């Protein structure tokens, strides 16, 4: 399955250039011309990463990031004409995963998308969430809600087997 990148910018020309480069690199893209439209689209579609302009009418990029909340499941790369260091620091401190200043090279955008997705996928392997079950793979700890589950070694191995299998079915003799 291809990663889907949402491009949120009020400039149609800029969205088209980024879309062309990302699609040539093998990504699927979704475009939104403003923050409100992006939030509406996200109610229907899942994305792998968002490229988000800061200066947009109606709702700026910082407001969009705030509206997404802490539960967002995808990284955000800010793309902005605000190239001053204090703006970059603000964007990263608010939860952005990267910050690209305009003007930019489209090849750099693709490279940063690839790097952020790679980092994000590595960190996702360290923690698996299924409903209210959270599994900290690195520390071998399983949580149900906020409570740590006390699992025996055999139970932990079974949980590992079932989670890694996904929707697979096992015969009792194969476990």
N, C-alpha and C. Protein backbone atom coordinates (compact mmCIF):
# COMPACT_ATOMS: atom_id res chain seq x y z
N UNK A 1 0.84 -1.19 0.00
CA UNK A 1 0.00 0.00 0.00
C UNK A 1 0.88 1.25 0.00
N UNK A 2 0.57 2.19 -0.86
CA UNK A 2 1.34 3.42 -0.96
C UNK A 2 1.02 4.35 0.21
N UNK A 3 2.03 5.10 0.63
CA UNK A 3 1.80 6.15 1.62
C UNK A 3 1.03 7.28 0.96
N UNK A 4 0.09 7.86 1.71
CA UNK A 4 -0.70 8.98 1.21
C UNK A 4 -0.27 10.25 1.92
N UNK A 5 0.07 11.25 1.14
CA UNK A 5 0.54 12.53 1.66
C UNK A 5 -0.52 13.58 1.39
N UNK A 6 -0.93 14.31 2.43
CA UNK A 6 -1.86 15.42 2.26
C UNK A 6 -1.06 16.72 2.15
N UNK A 7 -1.34 17.48 1.10
CA UNK A 7 -0.69 18.77 0.88
C UNK A 7 -1.71 19.86 1.18
N UNK A 8 -1.44 20.66 2.22
CA UNK A 8 -2.36 21.71 2.63
C UNK A 8 -1.69 23.06 2.40
N UNK A 9 -2.14 23.77 1.37
CA UNK A 9 -1.56 25.07 1.04
C UNK A 9 -2.59 25.84 0.22
N UNK A 10 -2.68 27.15 0.43
CA UNK A 10 -3.66 27.94 -0.31
C UNK A 10 -3.21 28.26 -1.74
N UNK A 11 -1.97 27.94 -2.09
CA UNK A 11 -1.48 28.16 -3.44
C UNK A 11 -1.67 26.90 -4.28
N UNK A 12 -2.57 27.00 -5.26
CA UNK A 12 -2.85 25.85 -6.13
C UNK A 12 -1.61 25.45 -6.91
N UNK A 13 -0.84 26.43 -7.38
CA UNK A 13 0.36 26.14 -8.16
C UNK A 13 1.38 25.37 -7.33
N UNK A 14 1.57 25.80 -6.10
CA UNK A 14 2.53 25.13 -5.22
C UNK A 14 2.08 23.70 -4.92
N UNK A 15 0.79 23.52 -4.66
CA UNK A 15 0.27 22.16 -4.42
C UNK A 15 0.53 21.27 -5.62
N UNK A 16 0.31 21.79 -6.82
CA UNK A 16 0.49 20.99 -8.04
C UNK A 16 1.95 20.56 -8.22
N UNK A 17 2.89 21.46 -7.93
CA UNK A 17 4.32 21.12 -8.06
C UNK A 17 4.69 20.02 -7.07
N UNK A 18 4.29 20.20 -5.81
CA UNK A 18 4.61 19.20 -4.78
C UNK A 18 3.94 17.87 -5.13
N UNK A 19 2.69 17.94 -5.57
CA UNK A 19 1.95 16.72 -5.95
C UNK A 19 2.69 15.96 -7.05
N UNK A 20 3.14 16.67 -8.07
CA UNK A 20 3.85 16.05 -9.19
C UNK A 20 5.10 15.32 -8.70
N UNK A 21 5.90 15.98 -7.88
CA UNK A 21 7.14 15.36 -7.39
C UNK A 21 6.85 14.17 -6.48
N UNK A 22 5.86 14.30 -5.60
CA UNK A 22 5.55 13.20 -4.69
C UNK A 22 4.99 11.99 -5.45
N UNK A 23 4.12 12.25 -6.41
CA UNK A 23 3.55 11.14 -7.18
C UNK A 23 4.62 10.47 -8.04
N UNK A 24 5.57 11.24 -8.57
CA UNK A 24 6.69 10.65 -9.31
C UNK A 24 7.58 9.81 -8.41
N UNK A 25 7.58 10.11 -7.11
CA UNK A 25 8.35 9.33 -6.14
C UNK A 25 7.56 8.13 -5.61
N UNK A 26 6.32 7.95 -6.10
CA UNK A 26 5.54 6.78 -5.73
C UNK A 26 4.51 6.97 -4.64
N UNK A 27 4.27 8.21 -4.23
CA UNK A 27 3.28 8.48 -3.18
C UNK A 27 1.93 8.82 -3.79
N UNK A 28 0.88 8.55 -3.03
CA UNK A 28 -0.44 9.06 -3.38
C UNK A 28 -0.58 10.41 -2.69
N UNK A 29 -1.36 11.31 -3.26
CA UNK A 29 -1.52 12.63 -2.66
C UNK A 29 -2.99 13.01 -2.56
N UNK A 30 -3.25 13.84 -1.57
CA UNK A 30 -4.56 14.46 -1.38
C UNK A 30 -4.27 15.95 -1.20
N UNK A 31 -5.05 16.80 -1.84
CA UNK A 31 -4.84 18.24 -1.71
C UNK A 31 -5.96 18.89 -0.91
N UNK A 32 -5.58 19.92 -0.14
CA UNK A 32 -6.55 20.76 0.56
C UNK A 32 -6.07 22.19 0.44
N UNK A 33 -7.00 23.10 0.10
CA UNK A 33 -6.58 24.49 -0.10
C UNK A 33 -6.56 25.32 1.18
N UNK A 34 -7.06 24.74 2.28
CA UNK A 34 -7.00 25.45 3.56
C UNK A 34 -7.13 24.45 4.71
N UNK A 35 -6.94 24.94 5.91
CA UNK A 35 -6.96 24.08 7.09
C UNK A 35 -8.31 23.44 7.35
N UNK A 36 -9.38 24.21 7.18
CA UNK A 36 -10.72 23.65 7.43
C UNK A 36 -11.02 22.51 6.47
N UNK A 37 -10.65 22.69 5.21
CA UNK A 37 -10.87 21.63 4.22
C UNK A 37 -10.05 20.39 4.60
N UNK A 38 -8.83 20.60 5.05
CA UNK A 38 -7.97 19.47 5.45
C UNK A 38 -8.62 18.68 6.58
N UNK A 39 -9.14 19.37 7.58
CA UNK A 39 -9.78 18.69 8.71
C UNK A 39 -11.02 17.92 8.27
N UNK A 40 -11.77 18.47 7.32
CA UNK A 40 -12.94 17.76 6.79
C UNK A 40 -12.53 16.49 6.05
N UNK A 41 -11.50 16.59 5.23
CA UNK A 41 -11.03 15.43 4.47
C UNK A 41 -10.56 14.34 5.42
N UNK A 42 -9.89 14.72 6.50
CA UNK A 42 -9.36 13.74 7.46
C UNK A 42 -10.45 12.95 8.18
N UNK A 43 -11.67 13.45 8.16
CA UNK A 43 -12.79 12.70 8.74
C UNK A 43 -13.10 11.46 7.90
N UNK A 44 -12.75 11.52 6.61
CA UNK A 44 -13.06 10.45 5.67
C UNK A 44 -11.85 9.61 5.26
N UNK A 45 -10.68 10.22 5.28
CA UNK A 45 -9.48 9.56 4.73
C UNK A 45 -8.37 9.48 5.77
N UNK A 46 -7.58 8.41 5.66
CA UNK A 46 -6.38 8.26 6.47
C UNK A 46 -5.19 8.70 5.63
N UNK A 47 -4.24 9.35 6.28
CA UNK A 47 -3.03 9.77 5.57
C UNK A 47 -1.80 9.28 6.33
N UNK A 48 -0.67 9.29 5.64
CA UNK A 48 0.60 8.88 6.24
C UNK A 48 1.38 10.08 6.74
N UNK A 49 1.18 11.25 6.10
CA UNK A 49 1.93 12.45 6.44
C UNK A 49 1.20 13.66 5.89
N UNK A 50 1.34 14.80 6.57
CA UNK A 50 0.75 16.06 6.10
C UNK A 50 1.85 17.09 5.88
N UNK A 51 1.80 17.74 4.72
CA UNK A 51 2.64 18.91 4.45
C UNK A 51 1.73 20.11 4.64
N UNK A 52 2.08 20.99 5.58
CA UNK A 52 1.14 22.01 6.05
C UNK A 52 1.74 23.41 5.97
N UNK A 53 1.11 24.27 5.17
CA UNK A 53 1.51 25.67 5.12
C UNK A 53 1.06 26.35 6.41
N UNK A 54 1.78 27.37 6.82
CA UNK A 54 1.40 28.07 8.05
C UNK A 54 0.46 29.23 7.74
N UNK A 55 0.80 30.05 6.76
CA UNK A 55 0.00 31.24 6.47
C UNK A 55 -1.09 30.92 5.45
N UNK A 56 -2.31 30.68 5.98
CA UNK A 56 -3.46 30.39 5.13
C UNK A 56 -4.66 31.16 5.66
N UNK A 57 -5.62 31.48 4.78
CA UNK A 57 -6.83 32.16 5.26
C UNK A 57 -7.69 31.21 6.11
N UNK A 58 -8.55 31.78 6.91
CA UNK A 58 -9.50 31.07 7.76
C UNK A 58 -8.85 30.37 8.95
N UNK A 59 -7.86 29.54 8.70
CA UNK A 59 -7.24 28.75 9.77
C UNK A 59 -5.78 28.54 9.41
N UNK A 60 -4.85 29.08 10.22
CA UNK A 60 -3.44 28.92 9.86
C UNK A 60 -2.94 27.52 10.24
N UNK A 61 -1.73 27.21 9.79
CA UNK A 61 -1.18 25.88 10.02
C UNK A 61 -1.02 25.52 11.48
N UNK A 62 -0.65 26.50 12.32
CA UNK A 62 -0.52 26.24 13.75
C UNK A 62 -1.88 25.86 14.35
N UNK A 63 -2.95 26.53 13.90
CA UNK A 63 -4.30 26.21 14.38
C UNK A 63 -4.73 24.82 13.92
N UNK A 64 -4.36 24.47 12.71
CA UNK A 64 -4.69 23.13 12.19
C UNK A 64 -4.01 22.07 13.06
N UNK A 65 -2.73 22.26 13.34
CA UNK A 65 -2.00 21.30 14.17
C UNK A 65 -2.64 21.18 15.54
N UNK A 66 -3.05 22.32 16.11
CA UNK A 66 -3.72 22.30 17.41
C UNK A 66 -5.04 21.55 17.33
N UNK A 67 -5.80 21.76 16.25
CA UNK A 67 -7.09 21.08 16.08
C UNK A 67 -6.92 19.57 15.91
N UNK A 68 -5.80 19.15 15.34
CA UNK A 68 -5.54 17.72 15.16
C UNK A 68 -5.35 17.03 16.51
N UNK A 69 -4.85 17.77 17.47
CA UNK A 69 -4.69 17.22 18.82
C UNK A 69 -3.51 16.28 18.95
N UNK A 70 -3.34 15.79 20.16
CA UNK A 70 -2.21 14.92 20.47
C UNK A 70 -2.40 13.51 19.95
N UNK A 71 -3.61 13.15 19.57
CA UNK A 71 -3.89 11.79 19.12
C UNK A 71 -3.63 11.57 17.63
N UNK A 72 -3.12 12.59 16.94
CA UNK A 72 -2.89 12.40 15.50
C UNK A 72 -1.90 11.27 15.28
N UNK A 73 -2.13 10.53 14.23
CA UNK A 73 -1.35 9.32 13.98
C UNK A 73 -0.41 9.46 12.79
N UNK A 74 -0.12 10.70 12.40
CA UNK A 74 0.75 10.93 11.25
C UNK A 74 1.64 12.14 11.54
N UNK A 75 2.83 12.16 10.93
CA UNK A 75 3.72 13.30 11.10
C UNK A 75 3.29 14.50 10.25
N UNK A 76 3.74 15.68 10.67
CA UNK A 76 3.43 16.93 9.96
C UNK A 76 4.74 17.65 9.63
N UNK A 77 4.86 18.04 8.36
CA UNK A 77 5.98 18.87 7.93
C UNK A 77 5.42 20.25 7.61
N UNK A 78 5.89 21.27 8.32
CA UNK A 78 5.49 22.64 8.01
C UNK A 78 6.23 23.12 6.77
N UNK A 79 5.52 23.88 5.95
CA UNK A 79 6.08 24.47 4.74
C UNK A 79 5.67 25.93 4.78
N UNK A 80 6.63 26.85 4.92
CA UNK A 80 6.22 28.23 5.14
C UNK A 80 7.21 29.25 4.60
N UNK A 81 6.65 30.42 4.25
CA UNK A 81 7.47 31.56 3.86
C UNK A 81 8.10 32.19 5.09
N UNK A 82 7.62 31.83 6.26
CA UNK A 82 8.21 32.32 7.51
C UNK A 82 9.48 31.52 7.80
N UNK A 83 10.59 32.04 7.31
CA UNK A 83 11.84 31.29 7.40
C UNK A 83 12.71 31.63 8.59
N UNK A 84 12.24 32.54 9.45
CA UNK A 84 13.05 32.92 10.61
C UNK A 84 13.16 31.77 11.59
N UNK A 85 14.27 31.73 12.28
CA UNK A 85 14.54 30.64 13.23
C UNK A 85 13.44 30.54 14.29
N UNK A 86 12.94 31.68 14.79
CA UNK A 86 11.91 31.62 15.84
C UNK A 86 10.62 30.96 15.34
N UNK A 87 10.29 31.14 14.05
CA UNK A 87 9.11 30.47 13.48
C UNK A 87 9.34 28.96 13.37
N UNK A 88 10.55 28.59 12.97
CA UNK A 88 10.87 27.16 12.88
C UNK A 88 10.80 26.52 14.26
N UNK A 89 11.36 27.19 15.25
CA UNK A 89 11.33 26.67 16.63
C UNK A 89 9.89 26.53 17.11
N UNK A 90 9.07 27.54 16.83
CA UNK A 90 7.66 27.48 17.25
C UNK A 90 6.96 26.29 16.60
N UNK A 91 7.15 26.11 15.30
CA UNK A 91 6.51 25.00 14.59
C UNK A 91 6.92 23.65 15.14
N UNK A 92 8.20 23.49 15.42
CA UNK A 92 8.69 22.21 15.95
C UNK A 92 8.23 22.01 17.40
N UNK A 93 8.22 23.08 18.19
CA UNK A 93 7.76 22.97 19.58
C UNK A 93 6.28 22.67 19.68
N UNK A 94 5.51 23.10 18.69
CA UNK A 94 4.07 22.81 18.69
C UNK A 94 3.75 21.38 18.25
N UNK A 95 4.78 20.66 17.79
CA UNK A 95 4.55 19.27 17.41
C UNK A 95 4.84 18.94 15.96
N UNK A 96 5.32 19.91 15.20
CA UNK A 96 5.71 19.62 13.83
C UNK A 96 6.92 18.69 13.82
N UNK A 97 7.00 17.84 12.81
CA UNK A 97 8.10 16.88 12.71
C UNK A 97 9.26 17.41 11.87
N UNK A 98 8.99 18.42 11.05
CA UNK A 98 10.03 19.05 10.25
C UNK A 98 9.49 20.40 9.80
N UNK A 99 10.37 21.23 9.25
CA UNK A 99 9.99 22.58 8.83
C UNK A 99 10.82 22.93 7.60
N UNK A 100 10.15 23.26 6.52
CA UNK A 100 10.82 23.63 5.28
C UNK A 100 10.43 25.08 4.96
N UNK A 101 11.44 25.90 4.69
CA UNK A 101 11.19 27.31 4.36
C UNK A 101 11.01 27.48 2.86
N UNK A 102 10.08 28.36 2.48
CA UNK A 102 9.89 28.75 1.08
C UNK A 102 10.88 29.87 0.79
N UNK A 103 11.42 29.97 -0.39
CA UNK A 103 11.30 29.02 -1.49
C UNK A 103 12.08 27.74 -1.19
N UNK A 104 11.69 26.66 -1.83
CA UNK A 104 12.29 25.35 -1.56
C UNK A 104 12.51 24.63 -2.88
N UNK A 105 13.31 23.59 -2.81
CA UNK A 105 13.51 22.72 -3.96
C UNK A 105 12.56 21.53 -3.79
N UNK A 106 11.73 21.21 -4.78
CA UNK A 106 10.79 20.09 -4.63
C UNK A 106 11.48 18.76 -4.30
N UNK A 107 12.70 18.59 -4.80
CA UNK A 107 13.44 17.37 -4.47
C UNK A 107 13.75 17.28 -2.99
N UNK A 108 14.00 18.44 -2.36
CA UNK A 108 14.24 18.46 -0.91
C UNK A 108 12.97 18.07 -0.16
N UNK A 109 11.82 18.53 -0.64
CA UNK A 109 10.55 18.17 0.00
C UNK A 109 10.37 16.66 -0.03
N UNK A 110 10.61 16.04 -1.18
CA UNK A 110 10.48 14.58 -1.30
C UNK A 110 11.46 13.89 -0.36
N UNK A 111 12.70 14.36 -0.30
CA UNK A 111 13.70 13.74 0.58
C UNK A 111 13.29 13.86 2.04
N UNK A 112 12.76 15.00 2.43
CA UNK A 112 12.33 15.18 3.83
C UNK A 112 11.10 14.32 4.15
N UNK A 113 10.19 14.21 3.19
CA UNK A 113 9.03 13.33 3.38
C UNK A 113 9.50 11.90 3.62
N UNK A 114 10.43 11.45 2.80
CA UNK A 114 10.95 10.09 2.94
C UNK A 114 11.62 9.90 4.30
N UNK A 115 12.41 10.87 4.73
CA UNK A 115 13.12 10.77 6.00
C UNK A 115 12.16 10.76 7.19
N UNK A 116 11.16 11.65 7.16
CA UNK A 116 10.20 11.71 8.27
C UNK A 116 9.37 10.43 8.33
N UNK A 117 8.93 9.93 7.18
CA UNK A 117 8.16 8.67 7.17
C UNK A 117 9.00 7.51 7.69
N UNK A 118 10.26 7.47 7.31
CA UNK A 118 11.15 6.41 7.78
C UNK A 118 11.31 6.47 9.30
N UNK A 119 11.55 7.66 9.83
CA UNK A 119 11.67 7.83 11.30
C UNK A 119 10.37 7.43 11.98
N UNK A 120 9.26 7.85 11.41
CA UNK A 120 7.95 7.57 12.01
C UNK A 120 7.67 6.07 12.02
N UNK A 121 8.00 5.38 10.94
CA UNK A 121 7.75 3.94 10.87
C UNK A 121 8.64 3.18 11.84
N UNK A 122 9.88 3.65 12.04
CA UNK A 122 10.76 3.01 13.02
C UNK A 122 10.20 3.17 14.43
N UNK A 123 9.69 4.35 14.76
CA UNK A 123 9.17 4.56 16.11
C UNK A 123 7.86 3.82 16.30
N UNK A 124 7.08 3.62 15.22
CA UNK A 124 5.82 2.88 15.34
C UNK A 124 6.08 1.42 15.67
N UNK A 125 7.20 0.88 15.20
CA UNK A 125 7.52 -0.51 15.49
C UNK A 125 7.84 -0.71 16.96
N UNK A 126 8.20 0.35 17.65
CA UNK A 126 8.53 0.26 19.06
C UNK A 126 7.28 0.23 19.93
N UNK A 127 6.16 0.68 19.37
CA UNK A 127 4.93 0.71 20.14
C UNK A 127 3.76 0.34 19.22
N UNK A 128 2.97 -0.63 19.66
CA UNK A 128 1.83 -1.07 18.87
C UNK A 128 0.57 -0.80 19.69
N UNK A 129 -0.42 -0.18 19.05
CA UNK A 129 -1.67 0.13 19.73
C UNK A 129 -2.80 -0.55 18.99
N UNK A 130 -3.58 -1.35 19.71
CA UNK A 130 -4.77 -2.00 19.16
C UNK A 130 -5.90 -1.72 20.14
N UNK A 131 -6.82 -0.82 19.75
CA UNK A 131 -7.88 -0.43 20.66
C UNK A 131 -7.29 0.19 21.91
N UNK A 132 -7.67 -0.32 23.07
CA UNK A 132 -7.14 0.21 24.33
C UNK A 132 -5.90 -0.56 24.80
N UNK A 133 -5.43 -1.48 23.97
CA UNK A 133 -4.23 -2.26 24.29
C UNK A 133 -3.01 -1.58 23.68
N UNK A 134 -2.02 -1.28 24.51
CA UNK A 134 -0.79 -0.64 24.04
C UNK A 134 0.38 -1.54 24.42
N UNK A 135 1.22 -1.84 23.42
CA UNK A 135 2.33 -2.76 23.63
C UNK A 135 3.63 -2.01 23.38
N UNK A 136 4.43 -1.85 24.42
CA UNK A 136 5.75 -1.23 24.33
C UNK A 136 6.73 -2.36 24.01
N UNK A 137 7.02 -2.54 22.72
CA UNK A 137 7.82 -3.66 22.24
C UNK A 137 9.23 -3.63 22.84
N UNK A 138 9.82 -2.45 22.84
CA UNK A 138 11.20 -2.31 23.30
C UNK A 138 11.36 -2.72 24.76
N UNK A 139 10.41 -2.34 25.61
CA UNK A 139 10.50 -2.64 27.04
C UNK A 139 9.71 -3.87 27.46
N UNK A 140 9.05 -4.52 26.49
CA UNK A 140 8.27 -5.74 26.75
C UNK A 140 7.21 -5.51 27.83
N UNK A 141 6.48 -4.40 27.70
CA UNK A 141 5.42 -4.07 28.64
C UNK A 141 4.12 -3.89 27.85
N UNK A 142 3.03 -4.44 28.38
CA UNK A 142 1.73 -4.33 27.74
C UNK A 142 0.78 -3.59 28.68
N UNK A 143 0.07 -2.60 28.13
CA UNK A 143 -0.87 -1.81 28.92
C UNK A 143 -2.28 -2.05 28.39
N UNK A 144 -3.24 -2.10 29.29
CA UNK A 144 -4.65 -2.08 28.94
C UNK A 144 -5.18 -0.79 29.53
N UNK A 145 -5.43 0.19 28.67
CA UNK A 145 -5.72 1.54 29.16
C UNK A 145 -4.45 2.08 29.81
N UNK A 146 -4.53 2.45 31.08
CA UNK A 146 -3.36 2.95 31.80
C UNK A 146 -2.75 1.90 32.72
N UNK A 147 -3.34 0.72 32.75
CA UNK A 147 -2.86 -0.33 33.67
C UNK A 147 -1.89 -1.28 32.97
N UNK A 148 -0.80 -1.61 33.66
CA UNK A 148 0.15 -2.58 33.14
C UNK A 148 -0.43 -3.98 33.30
N UNK A 149 -0.40 -4.77 32.22
CA UNK A 149 -0.86 -6.15 32.30
C UNK A 149 0.30 -7.03 32.75
N UNK A 150 0.07 -7.83 33.74
CA UNK A 150 1.09 -8.77 34.23
C UNK A 150 0.95 -10.05 33.41
N UNK A 151 1.81 -10.23 32.42
CA UNK A 151 1.73 -11.41 31.55
C UNK A 151 2.86 -12.39 31.87
N UNK A 152 2.51 -13.66 31.88
CA UNK A 152 3.53 -14.70 32.01
C UNK A 152 4.27 -14.81 30.68
N UNK A 153 5.41 -15.47 30.67
CA UNK A 153 6.23 -15.58 29.46
C UNK A 153 5.43 -16.19 28.31
N UNK A 154 4.68 -17.24 28.58
CA UNK A 154 3.89 -17.92 27.54
C UNK A 154 2.80 -16.98 27.00
N UNK A 155 2.15 -16.23 27.88
CA UNK A 155 1.12 -15.28 27.45
C UNK A 155 1.72 -14.18 26.57
N UNK A 156 2.89 -13.72 26.95
CA UNK A 156 3.57 -12.68 26.17
C UNK A 156 3.93 -13.20 24.78
N UNK A 157 4.41 -14.44 24.71
CA UNK A 157 4.75 -15.04 23.41
C UNK A 157 3.50 -15.19 22.54
N UNK A 158 2.39 -15.60 23.14
CA UNK A 158 1.14 -15.74 22.39
C UNK A 158 0.66 -14.38 21.88
N UNK A 159 0.72 -13.37 22.74
CA UNK A 159 0.31 -12.04 22.32
C UNK A 159 1.17 -11.57 21.15
N UNK A 160 2.47 -11.78 21.24
CA UNK A 160 3.39 -11.42 20.16
C UNK A 160 3.00 -12.13 18.87
N UNK A 161 2.75 -13.42 18.96
CA UNK A 161 2.36 -14.21 17.80
C UNK A 161 1.09 -13.67 17.16
N UNK A 162 0.07 -13.40 17.98
CA UNK A 162 -1.22 -12.95 17.45
C UNK A 162 -1.14 -11.54 16.85
N UNK A 163 -0.41 -10.65 17.50
CA UNK A 163 -0.31 -9.29 16.97
C UNK A 163 0.48 -9.28 15.67
N UNK A 164 1.56 -10.04 15.60
CA UNK A 164 2.36 -10.07 14.37
C UNK A 164 1.60 -10.74 13.23
N UNK A 165 0.69 -11.65 13.56
CA UNK A 165 -0.08 -12.35 12.53
C UNK A 165 -1.17 -11.47 11.94
N UNK A 166 -1.58 -10.45 12.65
CA UNK A 166 -2.65 -9.58 12.17
C UNK A 166 -3.96 -10.34 12.11
N UNK A 167 -4.54 -10.46 10.92
CA UNK A 167 -5.82 -11.13 10.75
C UNK A 167 -5.68 -12.62 10.48
N UNK A 168 -4.46 -13.14 10.55
CA UNK A 168 -4.23 -14.56 10.27
C UNK A 168 -4.93 -15.48 11.26
N UNK A 169 -5.15 -16.71 10.83
CA UNK A 169 -5.80 -17.72 11.67
C UNK A 169 -4.80 -18.84 11.94
N UNK A 170 -4.74 -19.30 13.18
CA UNK A 170 -3.84 -20.38 13.56
C UNK A 170 -4.64 -21.60 14.00
N UNK A 171 -4.19 -22.75 13.59
CA UNK A 171 -4.73 -24.00 14.11
C UNK A 171 -4.09 -24.22 15.48
N UNK A 172 -4.81 -24.84 16.40
CA UNK A 172 -4.30 -25.05 17.75
C UNK A 172 -2.96 -25.78 17.75
N UNK A 173 -2.77 -26.72 16.86
CA UNK A 173 -1.53 -27.48 16.81
C UNK A 173 -0.33 -26.68 16.29
N UNK A 174 -0.59 -25.54 15.66
CA UNK A 174 0.49 -24.72 15.10
C UNK A 174 0.96 -23.61 16.03
N UNK A 175 0.32 -23.50 17.16
CA UNK A 175 0.68 -22.41 18.09
C UNK A 175 1.82 -22.84 18.98
